[in-house]
Amino acid sequence: MSISQHKLKIEGLYTAIITPFTKSGEVDYDAFKRLLKMQADGGVAGVVVCGTTGESPTVTDDEFSKLLEIAVQLSNGKMQVIAGTGTNSTDKTITKSRLAQKHGAEALLIASPYYNKPSQAGLLAHFRAVADATDLPIIVYNVPGRTAVNIETPTLKQLMDHPNIVAVKEASGSINQIMDVIEAADNDFAVLSGDDAITLPMIAAGGKGVISVISNEAPKRFNEMVQFALKGDIAKAREIHYELLPLMKANFWESNPTIVKLALHKMGMIEEVLRLPLVPAGEEHNEPLRKLLQSLKLLP
């Protein structure tokens, strides 16, 4: 399969959607449907189901399958549905990727293996093995702050040659590295921001969009920023960027998605329930977050 055969255009705003749970700890599929509707109404390009923002390590295969099926059904072709299938085992990643394909995912988001810290050669072999095992387009996710290993640009350049590897979610934290990646990529390869706060400078430097956390809370407004940026209207994009920047920062007062779930709870969308080892946000964040959401007119 060649890149040209992948008809999916990777560009714009993709929401790394949270996985809502009931008070008893089960997946809240009704709340998930409400969240999907909010994303569709916000005009996002797509959603990432069961990425790390969706607490993927704690979601069972049956829950993963049902969440994907619901997302595919409700998106009705209007939003791309991308599945988070990365694990720290190549075999498990392949199995999960095939499961995602079976249940209708249009693309895969695969984080580099965490904890076991593979070498660059190991990363190359891992992603190539997964890409060889599926027909779906793959977005590589580089997030060394979570995985303890950086996918270096020469490694990523080699991965770009694989026909099924079509994009990277870049959250290396190094704008110099990100610019090197953008410079190395051709038009068929999308470089997406993995950090809301640097989406605007990344798009200005040639990036194609973002896989976002803040769009869980403010999909319409953040989508406006991304679209202005992609059209080259940096002044309008910058205005929205600074309007939303305090919430982008607030979302990481604690490990993601702790604060986002508190925000969505305050917005009346979900119960504030996470699966261990994550626990609800500290009490000290309640009032500052409420004031911030109020100032952005996000509270009911």
C-alpha atoms as a PDB file:
ATOM      1  CA  MET A   1       0.000   0.000   0.000  1.00  0.00           C
ATOM      2  CA  SER A   2       1.398   3.395  -0.945  1.00  0.00           C
ATOM      3  CA  ILE A   3       0.803   6.687   0.808  1.00  0.00           C
ATOM      4  CA  SER A   4      -1.260   7.909  -2.132  1.00  0.00           C
ATOM      5  CA  GLN A   5      -3.752   5.104  -1.470  1.00  0.00           C
ATOM      6  CA  HIS A   6      -4.525   6.518   1.978  1.00  0.00           C
ATOM      7  CA  LYS A   7      -7.405   8.884   1.279  1.00  0.00           C
ATOM      8  CA  LEU A   8      -7.571  10.136   4.861  1.00  0.00           C
ATOM      9  CA  LYS A   9      -6.335  13.725   5.039  1.00  0.00           C
ATOM     10  CA  ILE A  10      -4.680  14.382   8.389  1.00  0.00           C
ATOM     11  CA  GLU A  11      -5.165  18.085   9.063  1.00  0.00           C
ATOM     12  CA  GLY A  12      -6.879  20.315  11.597  1.00  0.00           C
ATOM     13  CA  LEU A  13      -8.095  19.756  15.146  1.00  0.00           C
ATOM     14  CA  TYR A  14      -8.339  16.263  16.608  1.00  0.00           C
ATOM     15  CA  THR A  15      -9.660  15.829  20.136  1.00  0.00           C
ATOM     16  CA  ALA A  16      -7.945  13.333  22.420  1.00  0.00           C
ATOM     17  CA  ILE A  17     -11.333  12.522  23.924  1.00  0.00           C
ATOM     18  CA  ILE A  18     -11.617  11.456  27.546  1.00  0.00           C
ATOM     19  CA  THR A  19     -13.280   8.206  28.602  1.00  0.00           C
ATOM     20  CA  PRO A  20     -16.119   9.007  31.018  1.00  0.00           C
ATOM     21  CA  PHE A  21     -16.959   6.652  33.870  1.00  0.00           C
ATOM     22  CA  THR A  22     -20.024   6.269  36.085  1.00  0.00           C
ATOM     23  CA  LYS A  23     -19.819   6.658  39.861  1.00  0.00           C
ATOM     24  CA  SER A  24     -19.520   2.872  40.084  1.00  0.00           C
ATOM     25  CA  GLY A  25     -16.506   2.924  37.743  1.00  0.00           C
ATOM     26  CA  GLU A  26     -18.105   1.524  34.571  1.00  0.00           C
ATOM     27  CA  VAL A  27     -17.660   3.259  31.208  1.00  0.00           C
ATOM     28  CA  ASP A  28     -20.440   5.844  30.857  1.00  0.00           C
ATOM     29  CA  TYR A  29     -21.434   5.305  27.230  1.00  0.00           C
ATOM     30  CA  ASP A  30     -24.276   7.860  27.407  1.00  0.00           C
ATOM     31  CA  ALA A  31     -21.858  10.558  28.569  1.00  0.00           C
ATOM     32  CA  PHE A  32     -19.468   9.489  25.818  1.00  0.00           C
ATOM     33  CA  LYS A  33     -22.209  10.085  23.253  1.00  0.00           C
ATOM     34  CA  ARG A  34     -22.798  13.570  24.688  1.00  0.00           C
ATOM     35  CA  LEU A  35     -19.102  14.327  24.448  1.00  0.00           C
ATOM     36  CA  LEU A  36     -18.988  13.125  20.832  1.00  0.00           C
ATOM     37  CA  LYS A  37     -21.943  15.358  19.942  1.00  0.00           C
ATOM     38  CA  MET A  38     -20.146  18.340  21.483  1.00  0.00           C
ATOM     39  CA  GLN A  39     -17.100  17.562  19.356  1.00  0.00           C
ATOM     40  CA  ALA A  40     -19.154  17.204  16.174  1.00  0.00           C
ATOM     41  CA  ASP A  41     -20.965  20.468  16.920  1.00  0.00           C
ATOM     42  CA  GLY A  42     -17.559  22.105  17.410  1.00  0.00           C
ATOM     43  CA  GLY A  43     -16.539  21.111  13.888  1.00  0.00           C
ATOM     44  CA  VAL A  44     -13.419  19.150  14.823  1.00  0.00           C
ATOM     45  CA  ALA A  45     -11.677  17.096  12.143  1.00  0.00           C
ATOM     46  CA  GLY A  46     -11.700  13.987  14.286  1.00  0.00           C
ATOM     47  CA  VAL A  47     -11.456  12.318  17.673  1.00  0.00           C
ATOM     48  CA  VAL A  48      -8.833  10.025  19.150  1.00  0.00           C
ATOM     49  CA  VAL A  49     -10.608   7.291  21.109  1.00  0.00           C
ATOM     50  CA  CYS A  50      -8.691   5.658  23.983  1.00  0.00           C
ATOM     51  CA  GLY A  51      -5.526   7.634  23.655  1.00  0.00           C
ATOM     52  CA  THR A  52      -3.665   8.273  26.880  1.00  0.00           C
ATOM     53  CA  THR A  53      -6.042  11.194  27.613  1.00  0.00           C
ATOM     54  CA  GLY A  54      -8.734   8.501  27.398  1.00  0.00           C
ATOM     55  CA  GLU A  55      -6.947   6.521  30.155  1.00  0.00           C
ATOM     56  CA  SER A  56      -6.188   3.754  27.655  1.00  0.00           C
ATOM     57  CA  PRO A  57      -4.116   1.554  30.028  1.00  0.00           C
ATOM     58  CA  THR A  58      -7.216   1.067  32.210  1.00  0.00           C
ATOM     59  CA  VAL A  59      -9.770   0.386  29.436  1.00  0.00           C
ATOM     60  CA  THR A  60     -10.533  -3.261  28.620  1.00  0.00           C
ATOM     61  CA  ASP A  61     -10.580  -4.594  25.056  1.00  0.00           C
ATOM     62  CA  ASP A  62     -14.375  -4.977  25.200  1.00  0.00           C
ATOM     63  CA  GLU A  63     -14.799  -1.386  26.382  1.00  0.00           C
ATOM     64  CA  PHE A  64     -12.328  -0.196  23.737  1.00  0.00           C
ATOM     65  CA  SER A  65     -14.306  -1.988  21.015  1.00  0.00           C
ATOM     66  CA  LYS A  66     -17.644  -0.553  22.145  1.00  0.00           C
ATOM     67  CA  LEU A  67     -16.276   3.003  22.457  1.00  0.00           C
ATOM     68  CA  LEU A  68     -14.889   2.766  18.934  1.00  0.00           C
ATOM     69  CA  GLU A  69     -18.147   1.426  17.531  1.00  0.00           C
ATOM     70  CA  ILE A  70     -20.110   4.262  19.149  1.00  0.00           C
ATOM     71  CA  ALA A  71     -17.660   6.874  17.852  1.00  0.00           C
ATOM     72  CA  VAL A  72     -17.808   5.482  14.315  1.00  0.00           C
ATOM     73  CA  GLN A  73     -21.608   5.342  14.386  1.00  0.00           C
ATOM     74  CA  LEU A  74     -22.100   8.847  15.787  1.00  0.00           C
ATOM     75  CA  SER A  75     -19.435  10.478  13.640  1.00  0.00           C
ATOM     76  CA  ASN A  76     -21.321   9.249  10.565  1.00  0.00           C
ATOM     77  CA  GLY A  77     -18.376  10.141   8.360  1.00  0.00           C
ATOM     78  CA  LYS A  78     -18.290  13.757   9.599  1.00  0.00           C
ATOM     79  CA  MET A  79     -15.415  13.230  12.036  1.00  0.00           C
ATOM     80  CA  GLN A  80     -12.438  10.951  11.550  1.00  0.00           C
ATOM     81  CA  VAL A  81     -12.183   8.271  14.242  1.00  0.00           C
ATOM     82  CA  ILE A  82      -8.633   7.481  15.310  1.00  0.00           C
ATOM     83  CA  ALA A  83      -7.847   4.752  17.834  1.00  0.00           C
ATOM     84  CA  GLY A  84      -5.086   4.913  20.407  1.00  0.00           C
ATOM     85  CA  THR A  85      -3.422   1.506  20.214  1.00  0.00           C
ATOM     86  CA  GLY A  86       0.099   2.058  21.530  1.00  0.00           C
ATOM     87  CA  THR A  87       1.468  -0.183  24.283  1.00  0.00           C
ATOM     88  CA  ASN A  88       4.974  -1.119  25.401  1.00  0.00           C
ATOM     89  CA  SER A  89       4.686  -4.516  23.704  1.00  0.00           C
ATOM     90  CA  THR A  90       4.928  -4.721  19.926  1.00  0.00           C
ATOM     91  CA  ASP A  91       2.770  -7.864  19.780  1.00  0.00           C
ATOM     92  CA  LYS A  92       0.068  -6.310  21.986  1.00  0.00           C
ATOM     93  CA  THR A  93       0.139  -3.131  19.906  1.00  0.00           C
ATOM     94  CA  ILE A  94      -0.386  -5.153  16.725  1.00  0.00           C
ATOM     95  CA  THR A  95      -3.264  -7.101  18.319  1.00  0.00           C
ATOM     96  CA  LYS A  96      -4.930  -3.894  19.526  1.00  0.00           C
ATOM     97  CA  SER A  97      -4.399  -2.198  16.160  1.00  0.00           C
ATOM     98  CA  ARG A  98      -6.111  -5.087  14.367  1.00  0.00           C
ATOM     99  CA  LEU A  99      -8.968  -4.892  16.879  1.00  0.00           C
ATOM    100  CA  ALA A 100      -9.291  -1.160  16.147  1.00  0.00           C
ATOM    101  CA  GLN A 101      -9.420  -1.830  12.414  1.00  0.00           C
ATOM    102  CA  LYS A 102     -12.106  -4.478  12.945  1.00  0.00           C
ATOM    103  CA  HIS A 103     -14.285  -1.992  14.826  1.00  0.00           C
ATOM    104  CA  GLY A 104     -14.077   0.798  12.255  1.00  0.00           C
ATOM    105  CA  ALA A 105     -11.119   3.002  13.186  1.00  0.00           C
ATOM    106  CA  GLU A 106      -9.837   5.059  10.255  1.00  0.00           C
ATOM    107  CA  ALA A 107      -6.328   5.583  11.615  1.00  0.00           C
ATOM    108  CA  LEU A 108      -4.152   4.662  14.596  1.00  0.00           C
ATOM    109  CA  LEU A 109      -2.308   6.813  17.122  1.00  0.00           C
ATOM    110  CA  ILE A 110       0.645   4.859  18.489  1.00  0.00           C
ATOM    111  CA  ALA A 111       2.791   6.219  21.295  1.00  0.00           C
ATOM    112  CA  SER A 112       6.370   5.051  21.533  1.00  0.00           C
ATOM    113  CA  PRO A 113       6.777   2.175  24.020  1.00  0.00           C
ATOM    114  CA  TYR A 114       6.937   3.412  27.595  1.00  0.00           C
ATOM    115  CA  TYR A 115       9.108   2.260  30.501  1.00  0.00           C
ATOM    116  CA  ASN A 116      11.231  -0.283  28.598  1.00  0.00           C
ATOM    117  CA  LYS A 117      13.141   2.555  26.850  1.00  0.00           C
ATOM    118  CA  PRO A 118      14.022   0.962  23.487  1.00  0.00           C
ATOM    119  CA  SER A 119      17.000   2.225  21.516  1.00  0.00           C
ATOM    120  CA  GLN A 120      16.430   4.175  18.297  1.00  0.00           C
ATOM    121  CA  ALA A 121      16.909   0.879  16.427  1.00  0.00           C
ATOM    122  CA  GLY A 122      14.268  -0.685  18.677  1.00  0.00           C
ATOM    123  CA  LEU A 123      11.839   2.169  18.024  1.00  0.00           C
ATOM    124  CA  LEU A 124      12.377   1.798  14.298  1.00  0.00           C
ATOM    125  CA  ALA A 125      11.758  -1.961  14.430  1.00  0.00           C
ATOM    126  CA  HIS A 126       8.675  -1.511  16.656  1.00  0.00           C
ATOM    127  CA  PHE A 127       6.891   1.001  14.455  1.00  0.00           C
ATOM    128  CA  ARG A 128       7.800  -0.814  11.248  1.00  0.00           C
ATOM    129  CA  ALA A 129       6.461  -4.103  12.626  1.00  0.00           C
ATOM    130  CA  VAL A 130       3.148  -2.483  13.581  1.00  0.00           C
ATOM    131  CA  ALA A 131       2.907  -0.617  10.265  1.00  0.00           C
ATOM    132  CA  ASP A 132       3.553  -3.865   8.366  1.00  0.00           C
ATOM    133  CA  ALA A 133       0.748  -5.575  10.285  1.00  0.00           C
ATOM    134  CA  THR A 134      -2.080  -3.155   9.434  1.00  0.00           C
ATOM    135  CA  ASP A 135      -3.517  -1.347   6.431  1.00  0.00           C
ATOM    136  CA  LEU A 136      -4.557   1.662   8.504  1.00  0.00           C
ATOM    137  CA  PRO A 137      -2.615   4.928   8.401  1.00  0.00           C
ATOM    138  CA  ILE A 138      -0.507   5.413  11.520  1.00  0.00           C
ATOM    139  CA  ILE A 139       0.241   8.563  13.510  1.00  0.00           C
ATOM    140  CA  VAL A 140       3.428   8.127  15.530  1.00  0.00           C
ATOM    141  CA  TYR A 141       3.231   9.769  18.969  1.00  0.00           C
ATOM    142  CA  ASN A 142       6.468  11.176  20.371  1.00  0.00           C
ATOM    143  CA  VAL A 143       6.028  12.131  24.029  1.00  0.00           C
ATOM    144  CA  PRO A 144       9.323  11.530  25.882  1.00  0.00           C
ATOM    145  CA  GLY A 145       8.000  13.191  29.049  1.00  0.00           C
ATOM    146  CA  ARG A 146       5.645  10.214  29.428  1.00  0.00           C
ATOM    147  CA  THR A 147       7.620   7.416  27.755  1.00  0.00           C
ATOM    148  CA  ALA A 148      11.197   8.242  28.825  1.00  0.00           C
ATOM    149  CA  VAL A 149      12.468   7.905  25.247  1.00  0.00           C
ATOM    150  CA  ASN A 150      12.658  10.511  22.480  1.00  0.00           C
ATOM    151  CA  ILE A 151      12.057   9.519  18.860  1.00  0.00           C
ATOM    152  CA  GLU A 152      14.977  11.358  17.324  1.00  0.00           C
ATOM    153  CA  THR A 153      14.505  13.115  13.989  1.00  0.00           C
ATOM    154  CA  PRO A 154      16.773  10.763  11.962  1.00  0.00           C
ATOM    155  CA  THR A 155      14.664   7.840  13.241  1.00  0.00           C
ATOM    156  CA  LEU A 156      11.436   9.606  12.378  1.00  0.00           C
ATOM    157  CA  LYS A 157      12.770  10.415   8.894  1.00  0.00           C
ATOM    158  CA  GLN A 158      13.259   6.693   8.310  1.00  0.00           C
ATOM    159  CA  LEU A 159       9.734   5.989   9.555  1.00  0.00           C
ATOM    160  CA  MET A 160       8.366   8.561   7.090  1.00  0.00           C
ATOM    161  CA  ASP A 161       9.456   6.219   4.294  1.00  0.00           C
ATOM    162  CA  HIS A 162       6.956   3.560   5.382  1.00  0.00           C
ATOM    163  CA  PRO A 163       3.751   3.883   3.317  1.00  0.00           C
ATOM    164  CA  ASN A 164       1.463   3.340   6.316  1.00  0.00           C
ATOM    165  CA  ILE A 165       3.148   5.933   8.570  1.00  0.00           C
ATOM    166  CA  VAL A 166       1.546   9.222   7.588  1.00  0.00           C
ATOM    167  CA  ALA A 167       1.904  11.619  10.539  1.00  0.00           C
ATOM    168  CA  VAL A 168       3.515  12.352  13.869  1.00  0.00           C
ATOM    169  CA  LYS A 169       2.048  13.838  17.027  1.00  0.00           C
ATOM    170  CA  GLU A 170       5.021  15.820  18.298  1.00  0.00           C
ATOM    171  CA  ALA A 171       5.189  16.446  22.032  1.00  0.00           C
ATOM    172  CA  SER A 172       8.958  16.346  22.454  1.00  0.00           C
ATOM    173  CA  GLY A 173       8.906  19.773  24.092  1.00  0.00           C
ATOM    174  CA  SER A 174      11.707  20.967  21.827  1.00  0.00           C
ATOM    175  CA  ILE A 175      10.628  23.532  19.239  1.00  0.00           C
ATOM    176  CA  ASN A 176      13.987  23.065  17.503  1.00  0.00           C
ATOM    177  CA  GLN A 177      13.367  19.340  17.098  1.00  0.00           C
ATOM    178  CA  ILE A 178       9.807  19.990  15.916  1.00  0.00           C
ATOM    179  CA  MET A 179      11.025  22.420  13.251  1.00  0.00           C
ATOM    180  CA  ASP A 180      13.586  19.844  12.096  1.00  0.00           C
ATOM    181  CA  VAL A 181      10.770  17.293  11.760  1.00  0.00           C
ATOM    182  CA  ILE A 182       8.566  19.721   9.802  1.00  0.00           C
ATOM    183  CA  GLU A 183      11.470  20.556   7.513  1.00  0.00           C
ATOM    184  CA  ALA A 184      12.150  16.844   6.911  1.00  0.00           C
ATOM    185  CA  ALA A 185       8.509  16.001   6.138  1.00  0.00           C
ATOM    186  CA  ASP A 186       7.056  16.161   2.659  1.00  0.00           C
ATOM    187  CA  ASN A 187       3.513  17.293   1.858  1.00  0.00           C
ATOM    188  CA  ASP A 188       2.068  13.820   2.375  1.00  0.00           C
ATOM    189  CA  PHE A 189       3.337  13.598   5.963  1.00  0.00           C
ATOM    190  CA  ALA A 190       1.497  15.600   8.639  1.00  0.00           C
ATOM    191  CA  VAL A 191       3.264  17.011  11.687  1.00  0.00           C
ATOM    192  CA  LEU A 192       0.702  17.599  14.450  1.00  0.00           C
ATOM    193  CA  SER A 193       1.199  19.356  17.757  1.00  0.00           C
ATOM    194  CA  GLY A 194       0.895  17.199  20.846  1.00  0.00           C
ATOM    195  CA  ASP A 195       0.837  20.234  23.101  1.00  0.00           C
ATOM    196  CA  ASP A 196      -2.039  22.740  22.858  1.00  0.00           C
ATOM    197  CA  ALA A 197       0.092  25.685  23.921  1.00  0.00           C
ATOM    198  CA  ILE A 198       2.498  25.381  20.978  1.00  0.00           C
ATOM    199  CA  THR A 199      -0.113  24.649  18.311  1.00  0.00           C
ATOM    200  CA  LEU A 200      -0.058  28.175  16.909  1.00  0.00           C
ATOM    201  CA  PRO A 201       3.742  28.437  16.505  1.00  0.00           C
ATOM    202  CA  MET A 202       3.839  24.885  15.112  1.00  0.00           C
ATOM    203  CA  ILE A 203       1.255  25.646  12.435  1.00  0.00           C
ATOM    204  CA  ALA A 204       3.038  28.905  11.639  1.00  0.00           C
ATOM    205  CA  ALA A 205       6.206  26.849  11.120  1.00  0.00           C
ATOM    206  CA  GLY A 206       4.427  24.417   8.778  1.00  0.00           C
ATOM    207  CA  GLY A 207       2.570  21.980  11.037  1.00  0.00           C
ATOM    208  CA  LYS A 208      -0.810  20.607   9.939  1.00  0.00           C
ATOM    209  CA  GLY A 209      -2.797  20.750  13.173  1.00  0.00           C
ATOM    210  CA  VAL A 210      -3.049  19.338  16.691  1.00  0.00           C
ATOM    211  CA  ILE A 211      -4.237  16.378  18.735  1.00  0.00           C
ATOM    212  CA  SER A 212      -5.695  18.346  21.583  1.00  0.00           C
ATOM    213  CA  VAL A 213      -6.687  18.172  25.238  1.00  0.00           C
ATOM    214  CA  ILE A 214      -8.373  21.591  25.542  1.00  0.00           C
ATOM    215  CA  SER A 215     -10.791  20.751  22.752  1.00  0.00           C
ATOM    216  CA  ASN A 216     -12.515  18.404  25.228  1.00  0.00           C
ATOM    217  CA  GLU A 217     -13.681  21.598  26.938  1.00  0.00           C
ATOM    218  CA  ALA A 218     -13.732  24.189  24.141  1.00  0.00           C
ATOM    219  CA  PRO A 219     -13.862  22.409  20.767  1.00  0.00           C
ATOM    220  CA  LYS A 220     -15.572  25.175  18.790  1.00  0.00           C
ATOM    221  CA  ARG A 221     -13.329  28.003  19.974  1.00  0.00           C
ATOM    222  CA  PHE A 222     -10.089  26.058  19.665  1.00  0.00           C
ATOM    223  CA  ASN A 223     -11.130  24.825  16.241  1.00  0.00           C
ATOM    224  CA  GLU A 224     -11.576  28.455  15.187  1.00  0.00           C
ATOM    225  CA  MET A 225      -8.011  29.149  16.282  1.00  0.00           C
ATOM    226  CA  VAL A 226      -6.639  26.177  14.371  1.00  0.00           C
ATOM    227  CA  GLN A 227      -8.558  27.096  11.219  1.00  0.00           C
ATOM    228  CA  PHE A 228      -7.415  30.731  11.337  1.00  0.00           C
ATOM    229  CA  ALA A 229      -3.833  29.540  11.779  1.00  0.00           C
ATOM    230  CA  LEU A 230      -4.055  27.069   8.881  1.00  0.00           C
ATOM    231  CA  LYS A 231      -5.448  29.843   6.648  1.00  0.00           C
ATOM    232  CA  GLY A 232      -2.561  32.115   7.613  1.00  0.00           C
ATOM    233  CA  ASP A 233      -4.638  34.591   9.647  1.00  0.00           C
ATOM    234  CA  ILE A 234      -2.149  34.639  12.494  1.00  0.00           C
ATOM    235  CA  ALA A 235      -3.580  37.780  14.118  1.00  0.00           C
ATOM    236  CA  LYS A 236      -7.020  36.216  14.687  1.00  0.00           C
ATOM    237  CA  ALA A 237      -5.466  32.896  15.697  1.00  0.00           C
ATOM    238  CA  ARG A 238      -3.200  34.660  18.188  1.00  0.00           C
ATOM    239  CA  GLU A 239      -6.149  36.427  19.815  1.00  0.00           C
ATOM    240  CA  ILE A 240      -7.881  33.091  20.526  1.00  0.00           C
ATOM    241  CA  HIS A 241      -4.587  31.460  21.532  1.00  0.00           C
ATOM    242  CA  TYR A 242      -4.058  33.963  24.354  1.00  0.00           C
ATOM    243  CA  GLU A 243      -7.727  33.782  25.337  1.00  0.00           C
ATOM    244  CA  LEU A 244      -7.470  30.011  25.839  1.00  0.00           C
ATOM    245  CA  LEU A 245      -3.862  29.820  27.076  1.00  0.00           C
ATOM    246  CA  PRO A 246      -4.768  29.979  30.805  1.00  0.00           C
ATOM    247  CA  LEU A 247      -7.003  26.912  30.389  1.00  0.00           C
ATOM    248  CA  MET A 248      -4.319  25.112  28.353  1.00  0.00           C
ATOM    249  CA  LYS A 249      -1.967  25.631  31.303  1.00  0.00           C
ATOM    250  CA  ALA A 250      -4.609  24.730  33.889  1.00  0.00           C
ATOM    251  CA  ASN A 251      -5.219  21.369  32.219  1.00  0.00           C
ATOM    252  CA  PHE A 252      -1.770  20.327  33.385  1.00  0.00           C
ATOM    253  CA  TRP A 253      -1.963  21.474  36.998  1.00  0.00           C
ATOM    254  CA  GLU A 254      -2.091  17.714  37.610  1.00  0.00           C
ATOM    255  CA  SER A 255      -1.530  14.695  35.364  1.00  0.00           C
ATOM    256  CA  ASN A 256      -3.822  14.719  32.360  1.00  0.00           C
ATOM    257  CA  PRO A 257      -6.818  14.016  32.213  1.00  0.00           C
ATOM    258  CA  THR A 258      -7.405  14.814  35.906  1.00  0.00           C
ATOM    259  CA  ILE A 259      -8.158  18.522  35.432  1.00  0.00           C
ATOM    260  CA  VAL A 260     -10.062  18.040  32.159  1.00  0.00           C
ATOM    261  CA  LYS A 261     -12.403  15.614  33.893  1.00  0.00           C
ATOM    262  CA  LEU A 262     -12.962  18.105  36.719  1.00  0.00           C
ATOM    263  CA  ALA A 263     -13.714  20.819  34.132  1.00  0.00           C
ATOM    264  CA  LEU A 264     -16.166  18.617  32.198  1.00  0.00           C
ATOM    265  CA  HIS A 265     -17.836  17.690  35.496  1.00  0.00           C
ATOM    266  CA  LYS A 266     -18.305  21.381  36.299  1.00  0.00           C
ATOM    267  CA  MET A 267     -19.684  21.835  32.778  1.00  0.00           C
ATOM    268  CA  GLY A 268     -22.338  19.185  33.522  1.00  0.00           C
ATOM    269  CA  MET A 269     -21.013  16.669  30.986  1.00  0.00           C
ATOM    270  CA  ILE A 270     -19.606  13.814  33.111  1.00  0.00           C
ATOM    271  CA  GLU A 271     -19.073  12.449  36.598  1.00  0.00           C
ATOM    272  CA  GLU A 272     -15.647  13.251  38.027  1.00  0.00           C
ATOM    273  CA  VAL A 273     -14.423   9.652  38.066  1.00  0.00           C
ATOM    274  CA  LEU A 274     -11.016   8.327  37.043  1.00  0.00           C
ATOM    275  CA  ARG A 275      -9.583   4.839  37.225  1.00  0.00           C
ATOM    276  CA  LEU A 276      -6.680   4.098  39.521  1.00  0.00           C
ATOM    277  CA  PRO A 277      -3.875   4.942  39.655  1.00  0.00           C
ATOM    278  CA  LEU A 278      -5.376   8.350  38.756  1.00  0.00           C
ATOM    279  CA  VAL A 279      -7.569  10.029  41.360  1.00  0.00           C
ATOM    280  CA  PRO A 280      -9.749  13.170  41.242  1.00  0.00           C
ATOM    281  CA  ALA A 281      -8.068  16.566  41.282  1.00  0.00           C
ATOM    282  CA  GLY A 282      -7.058  18.178  44.549  1.00  0.00           C
ATOM    283  CA  GLU A 283      -9.604  20.403  46.291  1.00  0.00           C
ATOM    284  CA  GLU A 284      -7.352  23.445  45.835  1.00  0.00           C
ATOM    285  CA  HIS A 285      -8.062  23.436  42.080  1.00  0.00           C
ATOM    286  CA  ASN A 286     -11.848  23.665  42.372  1.00  0.00           C
ATOM    287  CA  GLU A 287     -12.359  27.402  42.718  1.00  0.00           C
ATOM    288  CA  PRO A 288      -9.561  28.605  40.381  1.00  0.00           C
ATOM    289  CA  LEU A 289     -10.836  26.247  37.662  1.00  0.00           C
ATOM    290  CA  ARG A 290     -14.447  27.335  38.182  1.00  0.00           C
ATOM    291  CA  LYS A 291     -13.468  31.005  37.782  1.00  0.00           C
ATOM    292  CA  LEU A 292     -11.437  30.215  34.681  1.00  0.00           C
ATOM    293  CA  LEU A 293     -14.270  28.261  33.046  1.00  0.00           C
ATOM    294  CA  GLN A 294     -16.684  31.036  33.973  1.00  0.00           C
ATOM    295  CA  SER A 295     -14.467  33.673  32.385  1.00  0.00           C
ATOM    296  CA  LEU A 296     -14.439  31.630  29.162  1.00  0.00           C
ATOM    297  CA  LYS A 297     -18.239  31.219  29.296  1.00  0.00           C
ATOM    298  CA  LEU A 298     -17.914  27.428  29.441  1.00  0.00           C
ATOM    299  CA  LEU A 299     -20.129  26.848  32.465  1.00  0.00           C
ATOM    300  CA  PRO A 300     -23.856  26.047  32.024  1.00  0.00           C
END
